[in-house]
Amino acid sequence: MANNIFGADLYGYRGLANASTQLMLTLLGQFDLEELTNVNSMWAPIFFASFMIMMFFIMLNVFLAILNDAYSSVQEDVKKEAEYEEWKYNRLSDEQKEALKMSWTDLMWYTLDLFNPFAHDADLAKDKKRRKQQDKQAAEAASHQASVKAKKQQQQKDGRLNVDADAENDDQSLADAKTVDV
């Protein structure tokens, strides 16, 4: 139609191949409507509007067909995956099924711990704090033992302490000092 209307006056519409090329360029936005109206002022706007509307609906239809095909393909894949997961779940023992039933919060915290790069650091910090507390308790026990020993030595010098009773008390205080809560 473009060849018949504009072919005699415009080079871009002279042959069927040239007209097709020019119409494809029009679809892509490269057109000169003023040039068309100079050739035929009545048919140029009618042709241009009808061509653009038809092509818009054809292209939209093609796009929707592609989308519909992709959607149905994805739906089939999801259905097959669900059937496969159900088949795998049915093969599990009852104990395994119970283990899989995890509360939402447990699952959320488990997932967060998996992707937490500082989770290991938190464990190290807890261990360091526990070791520091143990060292502090051991130092307090050693300090207490040293003060008891110094006190006993002072009492021995003064002659107020029985040596055998002191040895028993030292062993007992040493055992108490070494018992540290972990």
N, C-alpha and C. Protein backbone atom coordinates (compact mmCIF):
# COMPACT_ATOMS: atom_id res chain seq x y z
N MET A 1 0.82 -1.18 0.00
CA MET A 1 0.00 0.00 0.00
C MET A 1 0.88 1.26 0.00
N ALA A 2 1.96 1.25 0.83
CA ALA A 2 2.86 2.39 0.86
C ALA A 2 3.55 2.56 -0.50
N ASN A 3 3.84 1.43 -1.15
CA ASN A 3 4.46 1.46 -2.46
C ASN A 3 3.53 2.12 -3.47
N ASN A 4 2.23 1.82 -3.40
CA ASN A 4 1.26 2.39 -4.34
C ASN A 4 1.03 3.88 -4.09
N ILE A 5 0.98 4.27 -2.80
CA ILE A 5 0.65 5.67 -2.50
C ILE A 5 1.87 6.57 -2.70
N PHE A 6 3.02 6.15 -2.17
CA PHE A 6 4.18 7.04 -2.15
C PHE A 6 5.30 6.65 -3.12
N GLY A 7 5.20 5.49 -3.76
CA GLY A 7 6.29 4.96 -4.58
C GLY A 7 6.66 5.80 -5.77
N ALA A 8 5.70 6.47 -6.35
CA ALA A 8 5.99 7.25 -7.55
C ALA A 8 6.83 8.49 -7.24
N ASP A 9 6.67 9.05 -6.04
CA ASP A 9 7.34 10.31 -5.71
C ASP A 9 8.51 10.16 -4.74
N LEU A 10 8.53 9.15 -3.92
CA LEU A 10 9.59 8.99 -2.90
C LEU A 10 10.44 7.77 -3.21
N TYR A 11 11.75 7.94 -3.17
CA TYR A 11 12.67 6.85 -3.49
C TYR A 11 12.59 5.72 -2.48
N GLY A 12 12.37 6.04 -1.18
CA GLY A 12 12.33 5.02 -0.13
C GLY A 12 11.19 4.05 -0.28
N TYR A 13 10.16 4.40 -1.08
CA TYR A 13 9.00 3.54 -1.23
C TYR A 13 8.88 3.00 -2.66
N ARG A 14 9.93 3.06 -3.48
CA ARG A 14 9.83 2.69 -4.91
C ARG A 14 9.62 1.20 -5.13
N GLY A 15 10.38 0.36 -4.52
CA GLY A 15 10.19 -1.08 -4.71
C GLY A 15 9.60 -1.71 -3.45
N LEU A 16 9.23 -2.97 -3.56
CA LEU A 16 8.64 -3.66 -2.41
C LEU A 16 9.67 -3.81 -1.27
N ALA A 17 10.90 -4.12 -1.62
CA ALA A 17 11.96 -4.27 -0.61
C ALA A 17 12.27 -2.93 0.04
N ASN A 18 12.36 -1.86 -0.78
CA ASN A 18 12.62 -0.53 -0.22
C ASN A 18 11.47 -0.07 0.68
N ALA A 19 10.24 -0.33 0.26
CA ALA A 19 9.08 0.08 1.04
C ALA A 19 9.06 -0.68 2.39
N SER A 20 9.38 -1.98 2.35
CA SER A 20 9.42 -2.76 3.60
C SER A 20 10.49 -2.23 4.54
N THR A 21 11.64 -1.90 3.99
CA THR A 21 12.73 -1.35 4.81
C THR A 21 12.32 -0.01 5.42
N GLN A 22 11.70 0.83 4.59
CA GLN A 22 11.27 2.15 5.09
C GLN A 22 10.20 2.01 6.18
N LEU A 23 9.30 1.04 6.04
CA LEU A 23 8.26 0.83 7.06
C LEU A 23 8.85 0.27 8.36
N MET A 24 9.89 -0.56 8.25
CA MET A 24 10.57 -1.05 9.45
C MET A 24 11.26 0.10 10.18
N LEU A 25 11.88 1.00 9.41
CA LEU A 25 12.50 2.17 10.02
C LEU A 25 11.44 3.06 10.67
N THR A 26 10.27 3.13 10.08
CA THR A 26 9.17 3.90 10.66
C THR A 26 8.77 3.31 12.01
N LEU A 27 8.74 1.98 12.07
CA LEU A 27 8.42 1.32 13.35
C LEU A 27 9.45 1.65 14.41
N LEU A 28 10.70 1.80 14.00
CA LEU A 28 11.77 2.11 14.95
C LEU A 28 11.86 3.59 15.28
N GLY A 29 11.02 4.41 14.62
CA GLY A 29 10.97 5.82 14.96
C GLY A 29 11.70 6.72 13.99
N GLN A 30 12.23 6.19 12.94
CA GLN A 30 12.95 7.01 11.97
C GLN A 30 12.04 7.25 10.76
N PHE A 31 11.28 8.33 10.79
CA PHE A 31 10.36 8.64 9.70
C PHE A 31 10.25 10.16 9.53
N ASP A 32 9.76 10.55 8.35
CA ASP A 32 9.55 11.97 8.05
C ASP A 32 8.11 12.13 7.59
N LEU A 33 7.24 12.46 8.51
CA LEU A 33 5.82 12.58 8.22
C LEU A 33 5.56 13.77 7.28
N GLU A 34 6.35 14.80 7.40
CA GLU A 34 6.18 15.98 6.52
C GLU A 34 6.44 15.61 5.06
N GLU A 35 7.41 14.76 4.84
CA GLU A 35 7.72 14.31 3.48
C GLU A 35 6.54 13.53 2.89
N LEU A 36 5.91 12.69 3.73
CA LEU A 36 4.76 11.92 3.27
C LEU A 36 3.56 12.83 2.97
N THR A 37 3.31 13.82 3.83
CA THR A 37 2.18 14.72 3.61
C THR A 37 2.41 15.63 2.40
N ASN A 38 3.66 15.91 2.06
CA ASN A 38 3.94 16.70 0.85
C ASN A 38 3.57 15.92 -0.41
N VAL A 39 3.72 14.60 -0.37
CA VAL A 39 3.39 13.77 -1.53
C VAL A 39 1.88 13.61 -1.65
N ASN A 40 1.22 13.23 -0.53
CA ASN A 40 -0.23 13.02 -0.57
C ASN A 40 -0.79 13.45 0.78
N SER A 41 -1.34 14.64 0.83
CA SER A 41 -1.77 15.22 2.11
C SER A 41 -2.99 14.51 2.71
N MET A 42 -3.81 13.84 1.92
CA MET A 42 -4.99 13.17 2.46
C MET A 42 -4.63 11.77 2.97
N TRP A 43 -3.89 10.98 2.20
CA TRP A 43 -3.61 9.60 2.56
C TRP A 43 -2.44 9.45 3.55
N ALA A 44 -1.54 10.37 3.62
CA ALA A 44 -0.36 10.23 4.48
C ALA A 44 -0.73 10.10 5.95
N PRO A 45 -1.55 10.98 6.52
CA PRO A 45 -1.90 10.80 7.94
C PRO A 45 -2.72 9.55 8.19
N ILE A 46 -3.63 9.23 7.27
CA ILE A 46 -4.46 8.02 7.44
C ILE A 46 -3.58 6.78 7.38
N PHE A 47 -2.69 6.72 6.39
CA PHE A 47 -1.80 5.57 6.27
C PHE A 47 -0.89 5.46 7.48
N PHE A 48 -0.28 6.57 7.87
CA PHE A 48 0.66 6.54 8.98
C PHE A 48 -0.01 6.10 10.28
N ALA A 49 -1.17 6.67 10.60
CA ALA A 49 -1.88 6.33 11.84
C ALA A 49 -2.34 4.87 11.83
N SER A 50 -2.94 4.43 10.69
CA SER A 50 -3.42 3.04 10.64
C SER A 50 -2.24 2.05 10.71
N PHE A 51 -1.13 2.38 10.02
CA PHE A 51 0.04 1.50 10.05
C PHE A 51 0.61 1.39 11.47
N MET A 52 0.77 2.52 12.13
CA MET A 52 1.34 2.50 13.49
C MET A 52 0.42 1.77 14.47
N ILE A 53 -0.88 1.98 14.37
CA ILE A 53 -1.82 1.30 15.28
C ILE A 53 -1.81 -0.20 15.04
N MET A 54 -1.88 -0.60 13.75
CA MET A 54 -1.85 -2.04 13.45
C MET A 54 -0.56 -2.68 13.92
N MET A 55 0.56 -2.06 13.64
CA MET A 55 1.84 -2.63 14.04
C MET A 55 1.97 -2.68 15.57
N PHE A 56 1.45 -1.65 16.24
CA PHE A 56 1.49 -1.66 17.70
C PHE A 56 0.73 -2.87 18.24
N PHE A 57 -0.47 -3.10 17.71
CA PHE A 57 -1.25 -4.23 18.21
C PHE A 57 -0.64 -5.57 17.82
N ILE A 58 -0.05 -5.66 16.64
CA ILE A 58 0.61 -6.91 16.23
C ILE A 58 1.82 -7.18 17.13
N MET A 59 2.63 -6.16 17.34
CA MET A 59 3.81 -6.34 18.20
C MET A 59 3.41 -6.65 19.64
N LEU A 60 2.39 -5.99 20.11
CA LEU A 60 1.90 -6.25 21.47
C LEU A 60 1.40 -7.68 21.58
N ASN A 61 0.70 -8.14 20.54
CA ASN A 61 0.20 -9.50 20.53
C ASN A 61 1.34 -10.52 20.55
N VAL A 62 2.38 -10.27 19.76
CA VAL A 62 3.56 -11.16 19.74
C VAL A 62 4.23 -11.18 21.11
N PHE A 63 4.38 -9.99 21.69
CA PHE A 63 5.00 -9.91 23.02
C PHE A 63 4.20 -10.68 24.06
N LEU A 64 2.88 -10.52 24.05
CA LEU A 64 2.04 -11.24 25.00
C LEU A 64 2.07 -12.75 24.76
N ALA A 65 2.17 -13.17 23.50
CA ALA A 65 2.27 -14.61 23.21
C ALA A 65 3.56 -15.18 23.78
N ILE A 66 4.64 -14.44 23.63
CA ILE A 66 5.92 -14.90 24.19
C ILE A 66 5.84 -14.97 25.71
N LEU A 67 5.27 -13.95 26.32
CA LEU A 67 5.12 -13.94 27.78
C LEU A 67 4.25 -15.10 28.26
N ASN A 68 3.14 -15.35 27.56
CA ASN A 68 2.24 -16.43 27.94
C ASN A 68 2.94 -17.78 27.84
N ASP A 69 3.71 -17.98 26.80
CA ASP A 69 4.45 -19.23 26.62
C ASP A 69 5.47 -19.42 27.74
N ALA A 70 6.19 -18.36 28.08
CA ALA A 70 7.18 -18.44 29.15
C ALA A 70 6.51 -18.73 30.49
N TYR A 71 5.37 -18.10 30.74
CA TYR A 71 4.65 -18.31 31.99
C TYR A 71 4.17 -19.75 32.12
N SER A 72 3.60 -20.30 31.05
CA SER A 72 3.12 -21.68 31.11
C SER A 72 4.29 -22.65 31.29
N SER A 73 5.43 -22.35 30.69
CA SER A 73 6.61 -23.20 30.86
C SER A 73 7.10 -23.19 32.30
N VAL A 74 7.11 -22.01 32.91
CA VAL A 74 7.53 -21.91 34.31
C VAL A 74 6.54 -22.62 35.22
N GLN A 75 5.26 -22.49 34.93
CA GLN A 75 4.24 -23.18 35.73
C GLN A 75 4.43 -24.70 35.68
N GLU A 76 4.74 -25.23 34.51
CA GLU A 76 5.00 -26.66 34.39
C GLU A 76 6.21 -27.08 35.23
N ASP A 77 7.26 -26.28 35.17
CA ASP A 77 8.47 -26.58 35.95
C ASP A 77 8.18 -26.55 37.45
N VAL A 78 7.39 -25.58 37.89
CA VAL A 78 7.04 -25.49 39.31
C VAL A 78 6.21 -26.70 39.72
N LYS A 79 5.29 -27.12 38.88
CA LYS A 79 4.45 -28.28 39.20
C LYS A 79 5.32 -29.55 39.30
N LYS A 80 6.25 -29.72 38.35
CA LYS A 80 7.13 -30.89 38.39
C LYS A 80 8.01 -30.87 39.63
N GLU A 81 8.51 -29.68 39.99
CA GLU A 81 9.35 -29.55 41.19
C GLU A 81 8.56 -29.89 42.44
N ALA A 82 7.30 -29.44 42.51
CA ALA A 82 6.46 -29.73 43.68
C ALA A 82 6.19 -31.24 43.78
N GLU A 83 5.93 -31.88 42.66
CA GLU A 83 5.71 -33.33 42.66
C GLU A 83 6.96 -34.06 43.11
N TYR A 84 8.13 -33.61 42.66
CA TYR A 84 9.38 -34.24 43.05
C TYR A 84 9.64 -34.06 44.54
N GLU A 85 9.38 -32.86 45.06
CA GLU A 85 9.57 -32.61 46.50
C GLU A 85 8.62 -33.47 47.32
N GLU A 86 7.39 -33.62 46.86
CA GLU A 86 6.42 -34.46 47.57
C GLU A 86 6.88 -35.92 47.56
N TRP A 87 7.41 -36.37 46.43
CA TRP A 87 7.91 -37.73 46.33
C TRP A 87 9.08 -37.94 47.29
N LYS A 88 10.00 -36.96 47.37
CA LYS A 88 11.13 -37.07 48.29
C LYS A 88 10.65 -37.07 49.74
N TYR A 89 9.66 -36.24 50.06
CA TYR A 89 9.15 -36.16 51.43
C TYR A 89 8.47 -37.46 51.83
N ASN A 90 7.75 -38.08 50.92
CA ASN A 90 7.05 -39.33 51.23
C ASN A 90 8.03 -40.48 51.47
N ARG A 91 9.24 -40.38 50.97
CA ARG A 91 10.24 -41.42 51.19
C ARG A 91 10.89 -41.34 52.57
N LEU A 92 10.73 -40.22 53.28
CA LEU A 92 11.36 -40.03 54.58
C LEU A 92 10.67 -40.86 55.65
N SER A 93 11.43 -41.20 56.69
CA SER A 93 10.83 -41.89 57.83
C SER A 93 10.09 -40.87 58.69
N ASP A 94 9.30 -41.37 59.64
CA ASP A 94 8.54 -40.46 60.50
C ASP A 94 9.46 -39.59 61.35
N GLU A 95 10.59 -40.15 61.81
CA GLU A 95 11.52 -39.36 62.61
C GLU A 95 12.12 -38.22 61.78
N GLN A 96 12.45 -38.52 60.53
CA GLN A 96 13.00 -37.49 59.65
C GLN A 96 11.97 -36.41 59.35
N LYS A 97 10.71 -36.81 59.20
CA LYS A 97 9.65 -35.83 58.95
C LYS A 97 9.48 -34.92 60.16
N GLU A 98 9.55 -35.47 61.36
CA GLU A 98 9.43 -34.64 62.57
C GLU A 98 10.61 -33.67 62.69
N ALA A 99 11.79 -34.14 62.31
CA ALA A 99 12.96 -33.27 62.38
C ALA A 99 12.84 -32.10 61.40
N LEU A 100 12.14 -32.33 60.29
CA LEU A 100 11.97 -31.27 59.30
C LEU A 100 10.96 -30.22 59.74
N LYS A 101 10.08 -30.60 60.67
CA LYS A 101 9.07 -29.64 61.13
C LYS A 101 9.71 -28.70 62.14
N MET A 102 10.22 -27.62 61.65
CA MET A 102 10.92 -26.65 62.47
C MET A 102 10.02 -25.41 62.57
N SER A 103 10.02 -24.79 63.73
CA SER A 103 9.21 -23.58 63.85
C SER A 103 9.77 -22.47 62.97
N TRP A 104 8.94 -21.51 62.65
CA TRP A 104 9.35 -20.42 61.77
C TRP A 104 10.52 -19.64 62.37
N THR A 105 10.47 -19.37 63.66
CA THR A 105 11.54 -18.60 64.28
C THR A 105 12.85 -19.39 64.30
N ASP A 106 12.77 -20.70 64.57
CA ASP A 106 13.98 -21.52 64.53
C ASP A 106 14.60 -21.50 63.13
N LEU A 107 13.75 -21.62 62.13
CA LEU A 107 14.24 -21.61 60.76
C LEU A 107 14.86 -20.26 60.42
N MET A 108 14.23 -19.18 60.85
CA MET A 108 14.75 -17.84 60.56
C MET A 108 16.12 -17.65 61.22
N TRP A 109 16.24 -18.01 62.51
CA TRP A 109 17.52 -17.83 63.19
C TRP A 109 18.59 -18.75 62.63
N TYR A 110 18.20 -19.96 62.25
CA TYR A 110 19.16 -20.88 61.64
C TYR A 110 19.70 -20.29 60.33
N THR A 111 18.80 -19.75 59.50
CA THR A 111 19.21 -19.15 58.23
C THR A 111 20.09 -17.93 58.46
N LEU A 112 19.72 -17.10 59.42
CA LEU A 112 20.53 -15.93 59.72
C LEU A 112 21.93 -16.33 60.19
N ASP A 113 22.01 -17.37 61.00
CA ASP A 113 23.31 -17.84 61.47
C ASP A 113 24.16 -18.39 60.32
N LEU A 114 23.50 -18.99 59.33
CA LEU A 114 24.25 -19.52 58.19
C LEU A 114 24.96 -18.41 57.42
N PHE A 115 24.29 -17.27 57.28
CA PHE A 115 24.84 -16.19 56.48
C PHE A 115 25.48 -15.09 57.32
N ASN A 116 25.64 -15.31 58.63
CA ASN A 116 26.22 -14.30 59.50
C ASN A 116 27.74 -14.47 59.51
N PRO A 117 28.48 -13.54 58.94
CA PRO A 117 29.93 -13.70 58.92
C PRO A 117 30.57 -13.50 60.29
N PHE A 118 29.81 -12.92 61.24
CA PHE A 118 30.37 -12.64 62.55
C PHE A 118 29.95 -13.68 63.58
N ALA A 119 29.21 -14.73 63.17
CA ALA A 119 28.77 -15.74 64.12
C ALA A 119 29.97 -16.43 64.77
N HIS A 120 30.98 -16.73 63.97
CA HIS A 120 32.18 -17.37 64.49
C HIS A 120 32.88 -16.43 65.47
N ASP A 121 32.90 -15.14 65.16
CA ASP A 121 33.52 -14.15 66.04
C ASP A 121 32.80 -14.09 67.38
N ALA A 122 31.48 -14.24 67.36
CA ALA A 122 30.71 -14.21 68.61
C ALA A 122 31.07 -15.41 69.48
N ASP A 123 31.24 -16.57 68.85
CA ASP A 123 31.65 -17.76 69.61
C ASP A 123 33.03 -17.57 70.20
N LEU A 124 33.92 -16.98 69.42
CA LEU A 124 35.27 -16.72 69.93
C LEU A 124 35.23 -15.74 71.10
N ALA A 125 34.37 -14.73 70.99
CA ALA A 125 34.26 -13.74 72.07
C ALA A 125 33.73 -14.41 73.34
N LYS A 126 32.76 -15.31 73.20
CA LYS A 126 32.24 -16.02 74.37
C LYS A 126 33.33 -16.88 75.01
N ASP A 127 34.09 -17.59 74.16
CA ASP A 127 35.18 -18.42 74.70
C ASP A 127 36.23 -17.56 75.40
N LYS A 128 36.56 -16.42 74.82
CA LYS A 128 37.56 -15.53 75.41
C LYS A 128 37.06 -15.00 76.75
N LYS A 129 35.78 -14.64 76.81
CA LYS A 129 35.20 -14.14 78.07
C LYS A 129 35.22 -15.23 79.14
N ARG A 130 34.88 -16.47 78.74
CA ARG A 130 34.88 -17.59 79.69
C ARG A 130 36.29 -17.86 80.21
N ARG A 131 37.28 -17.85 79.27
CA ARG A 131 38.66 -18.08 79.69
C ARG A 131 39.15 -16.96 80.60
N LYS A 132 38.76 -15.73 80.31
CA LYS A 132 39.16 -14.60 81.14
C LYS A 132 38.58 -14.74 82.55
N GLN A 133 37.32 -15.18 82.61
CA GLN A 133 36.68 -15.39 83.92
C GLN A 133 37.37 -16.51 84.68
N GLN A 134 37.73 -17.59 83.98
CA GLN A 134 38.43 -18.69 84.62
C GLN A 134 39.80 -18.24 85.13
N ASP A 135 40.50 -17.46 84.30
CA ASP A 135 41.80 -16.95 84.73
C ASP A 135 41.67 -16.05 85.94
N LYS A 136 40.62 -15.23 85.97
CA LYS A 136 40.39 -14.34 87.10
C LYS A 136 40.12 -15.14 88.37
N GLN A 137 39.29 -16.19 88.24
CA GLN A 137 39.00 -17.02 89.41
C GLN A 137 40.25 -17.77 89.88
N ALA A 138 41.05 -18.24 88.92
CA ALA A 138 42.29 -18.93 89.29
C ALA A 138 43.25 -17.96 89.98
N ALA A 139 43.33 -16.72 89.48
CA ALA A 139 44.20 -15.72 90.11
C ALA A 139 43.71 -15.39 91.52
N GLU A 140 42.38 -15.27 91.68
CA GLU A 140 41.82 -15.01 93.01
C GLU A 140 42.13 -16.17 93.95
N ALA A 141 42.02 -17.40 93.44
CA ALA A 141 42.31 -18.58 94.26
C ALA A 141 43.79 -18.60 94.65
N ALA A 142 44.67 -18.29 93.68
CA ALA A 142 46.10 -18.26 93.97
C ALA A 142 46.42 -17.15 94.96
N SER A 143 45.79 -16.01 94.81
CA SER A 143 45.99 -14.89 95.73
C SER A 143 45.52 -15.26 97.14
N HIS A 144 44.36 -15.89 97.20
CA HIS A 144 43.83 -16.32 98.49
C HIS A 144 44.76 -17.34 99.15
N GLN A 145 45.23 -18.27 98.32
CA GLN A 145 46.13 -19.30 98.84
C GLN A 145 47.43 -18.66 99.33
N ALA A 146 47.95 -17.70 98.60
CA ALA A 146 49.19 -17.03 99.01
C ALA A 146 48.96 -16.25 100.30
N SER A 147 47.82 -15.59 100.44
CA SER A 147 47.56 -14.83 101.67
C SER A 147 47.38 -15.77 102.86
N VAL A 148 46.72 -16.91 102.63
CA VAL A 148 46.56 -17.89 103.72
C VAL A 148 47.92 -18.44 104.11
N LYS A 149 48.74 -18.72 103.13
CA LYS A 149 50.08 -19.25 103.40
C LYS A 149 50.93 -18.23 104.16
N ALA A 150 50.87 -16.96 103.73
CA ALA A 150 51.63 -15.91 104.43
C ALA A 150 51.12 -15.75 105.86
N LYS A 151 49.81 -15.82 106.03
CA LYS A 151 49.22 -15.69 107.36
C LYS A 151 49.69 -16.84 108.25
N LYS A 152 49.72 -18.04 107.70
CA LYS A 152 50.14 -19.20 108.48
C LYS A 152 51.63 -19.11 108.82
N GLN A 153 52.42 -18.64 107.86
CA GLN A 153 53.84 -18.48 108.16
C GLN A 153 54.04 -17.47 109.28
N GLN A 154 53.28 -16.41 109.26
CA GLN A 154 53.38 -15.40 110.32
C GLN A 154 52.97 -16.01 111.66
N GLN A 155 51.93 -16.83 111.65
CA GLN A 155 51.48 -17.46 112.89
C GLN A 155 52.51 -18.46 113.39
N GLN A 156 53.19 -19.16 112.44
CA GLN A 156 54.22 -20.11 112.85
C GLN A 156 55.39 -19.37 113.49
N LYS A 157 55.73 -18.24 112.94
CA LYS A 157 56.81 -17.46 113.52
C LYS A 157 56.44 -17.00 114.91
N ASP A 158 55.20 -16.65 115.08
CA ASP A 158 54.74 -16.20 116.39
C ASP A 158 54.55 -17.37 117.34
N GLY A 159 54.50 -18.62 116.80
CA GLY A 159 54.37 -19.80 117.63
C GLY A 159 52.94 -20.11 117.99
N ARG A 160 51.99 -19.58 117.28
CA ARG A 160 50.58 -19.79 117.62
C ARG A 160 49.93 -20.88 116.79
N LEU A 161 50.60 -21.52 115.84
CA LEU A 161 49.96 -22.44 114.92
C LEU A 161 50.56 -23.82 115.02
N ASN A 162 49.71 -24.84 114.99
CA ASN A 162 50.13 -26.22 114.96
C ASN A 162 50.39 -26.59 113.51
N VAL A 163 51.54 -27.12 113.17
CA VAL A 163 51.98 -27.37 111.81
C VAL A 163 51.13 -28.43 111.14
N ASP A 164 50.76 -29.53 111.82
CA ASP A 164 49.96 -30.60 111.21
C ASP A 164 48.57 -30.11 110.84
N ALA A 165 47.94 -29.31 111.64
CA ALA A 165 46.61 -28.78 111.35
C ALA A 165 46.68 -27.82 110.17
N ASP A 166 47.81 -27.10 110.07
CA ASP A 166 47.98 -26.17 108.96
C ASP A 166 48.07 -26.91 107.62
N ALA A 167 48.76 -28.01 107.58
CA ALA A 167 48.91 -28.78 106.35
C ALA A 167 47.55 -29.26 105.87
N GLU A 168 46.69 -29.70 106.81
CA GLU A 168 45.36 -30.16 106.45
C GLU A 168 44.53 -29.01 105.90
N ASN A 169 44.59 -27.86 106.54
CA ASN A 169 43.84 -26.68 106.11
C ASN A 169 44.34 -26.20 104.74
N ASP A 170 45.65 -26.25 104.51
CA ASP A 170 46.21 -25.85 103.21
C ASP A 170 45.69 -26.73 102.09
N ASP A 171 45.66 -28.04 102.33
CA ASP A 171 45.16 -28.96 101.32
C ASP A 171 43.70 -28.69 101.00
N GLN A 172 42.91 -28.42 102.03
CA GLN A 172 41.48 -28.15 101.84
C GLN A 172 41.27 -26.83 101.08
N SER A 173 42.01 -25.77 101.45
CA SER A 173 41.86 -24.48 100.78
C SER A 173 42.35 -24.55 99.33
N LEU A 174 43.41 -25.37 99.10
CA LEU A 174 43.90 -25.56 97.75
C LEU A 174 42.84 -26.27 96.90
N ALA A 175 42.19 -27.27 97.42
CA ALA A 175 41.14 -27.98 96.70
C ALA A 175 39.97 -27.04 96.41
N ASP A 176 39.60 -26.19 97.38
CA ASP A 176 38.51 -25.22 97.17
C ASP A 176 38.87 -24.22 96.11
N ALA A 177 40.11 -23.78 96.09
CA ALA A 177 40.55 -22.76 95.14
C ALA A 177 40.59 -23.28 93.71
N LYS A 178 40.89 -24.57 93.56
CA LYS A 178 41.01 -25.15 92.23
C LYS A 178 39.64 -25.46 91.62
N THR A 179 38.61 -25.54 92.47
CA THR A 179 37.27 -25.81 91.93
C THR A 179 36.73 -24.52 91.33
N VAL A 180 36.69 -24.48 90.03
CA VAL A 180 36.26 -23.26 89.33
C VAL A 180 35.05 -23.60 88.48
N ASP A 181 34.02 -22.77 88.56
CA ASP A 181 32.84 -23.00 87.72
C ASP A 181 33.16 -22.70 86.27
N VAL A 182 32.78 -23.61 85.41
CA VAL A 182 33.04 -23.43 83.98
C VAL A 182 31.77 -23.03 83.29
